[in-house]
Protein backbone atom coordinates (compact mmCIF):
# COMPACT_ATOMS: atom_id res chain seq x y z
CA MET A 1 22.65 -28.38 12.08
CA ASN A 2 19.25 -26.69 12.30
CA ASP A 3 20.49 -24.33 15.02
CA TRP A 4 23.52 -23.46 12.88
CA ILE A 5 21.32 -22.73 9.85
CA THR A 6 19.07 -20.52 11.99
CA GLU A 7 22.07 -18.67 13.41
CA LYS A 8 23.78 -18.11 10.05
CA PHE A 9 20.85 -17.77 7.63
CA GLY A 10 17.69 -17.27 9.69
CA THR A 11 15.69 -20.02 8.00
CA GLN A 12 16.12 -23.04 5.77
CA GLN A 13 14.25 -21.11 3.07
CA ARG A 14 16.83 -18.32 3.15
CA LEU A 15 19.60 -20.90 2.81
CA ASP A 16 17.75 -22.41 -0.18
CA GLN A 17 17.67 -18.93 -1.74
CA ALA A 18 21.31 -18.17 -0.91
CA LEU A 19 22.40 -21.38 -2.63
CA GLY A 20 20.00 -20.95 -5.56
CA LEU A 21 18.07 -24.11 -4.70
CA PRO A 22 14.36 -24.82 -5.13
CA LYS A 23 12.08 -24.36 -2.12
CA LYS A 24 12.34 -26.94 0.68
CA THR A 25 15.52 -28.50 -0.74
CA ILE A 26 17.49 -27.94 2.46
CA ASN A 27 14.67 -29.39 4.54
CA ARG A 28 14.46 -32.45 2.29
CA TRP A 29 18.23 -32.99 2.37
CA LEU A 30 18.44 -32.60 6.15
CA ASN A 31 15.72 -35.20 6.62
CA SER A 32 16.96 -37.70 4.05
CA ASP A 33 20.69 -37.31 3.35
CA PRO A 34 22.48 -34.22 4.70
CA ARG A 35 25.61 -35.20 2.75
CA HIS A 36 24.01 -33.48 -0.27
CA LEU A 37 25.10 -30.24 1.41
CA LEU A 38 28.73 -31.21 0.81
CA ARG A 39 28.20 -30.30 -2.87
CA HIS A 40 27.76 -26.70 -1.70
CA LEU A 41 30.59 -26.64 0.84
CA PRO A 42 32.54 -23.78 -0.80
CA GLU A 43 29.41 -21.62 -0.93
CA LEU A 44 28.48 -22.50 2.66
CA VAL A 45 31.94 -21.50 3.86
CA LYS A 46 31.81 -18.22 1.95
CA LEU A 47 28.27 -17.32 3.00
CA SER A 48 28.53 -18.34 6.66
CA GLY A 49 32.12 -17.51 7.51
CA ALA A 50 32.46 -20.94 9.14
CA SER A 51 35.38 -23.27 8.44
CA HIS A 52 35.20 -26.28 6.14
CA GLU A 53 35.83 -28.53 9.14
CA GLU A 54 32.99 -27.04 11.20
CA ILE A 55 30.47 -27.44 8.39
CA VAL A 56 31.57 -30.99 7.53
CA ASP A 57 31.32 -31.96 11.22
CA LEU A 58 27.79 -30.53 11.39
CA ILE A 59 26.73 -32.38 8.25
CA LEU A 60 28.20 -35.70 9.43
CA ASP A 61 26.63 -35.30 12.89
CA LYS A 62 23.23 -34.70 11.27
CA GLN A 63 23.77 -37.78 9.09
CA LYS A 64 24.43 -39.87 12.21
CA GLN A 65 21.27 -38.53 13.86
CA ASN A 66 19.24 -39.60 10.84
CA THR A 67 20.46 -43.20 10.90
C-alpha cells in the first residue's frame, strides 16, 4: 500500500491533502485500521486512476499485514 501511495501521490501527506484530511491521517489509518480508506474509495479511484478492485485489494492486504 505504501508503494502504491508513493507511486500515485508521492507522499502520504499529499494523499491527506488530496482527500482533504488532517495531517498524518493516512499514516494513522495505515498503521491502525486501513479499512478507513474505504470511506474514500470513490475519490481514490478518481484521483489515482486505479480500479475499485485494485484499491480494495491493497487495503485488505495492508489490513492483513497489520494483524
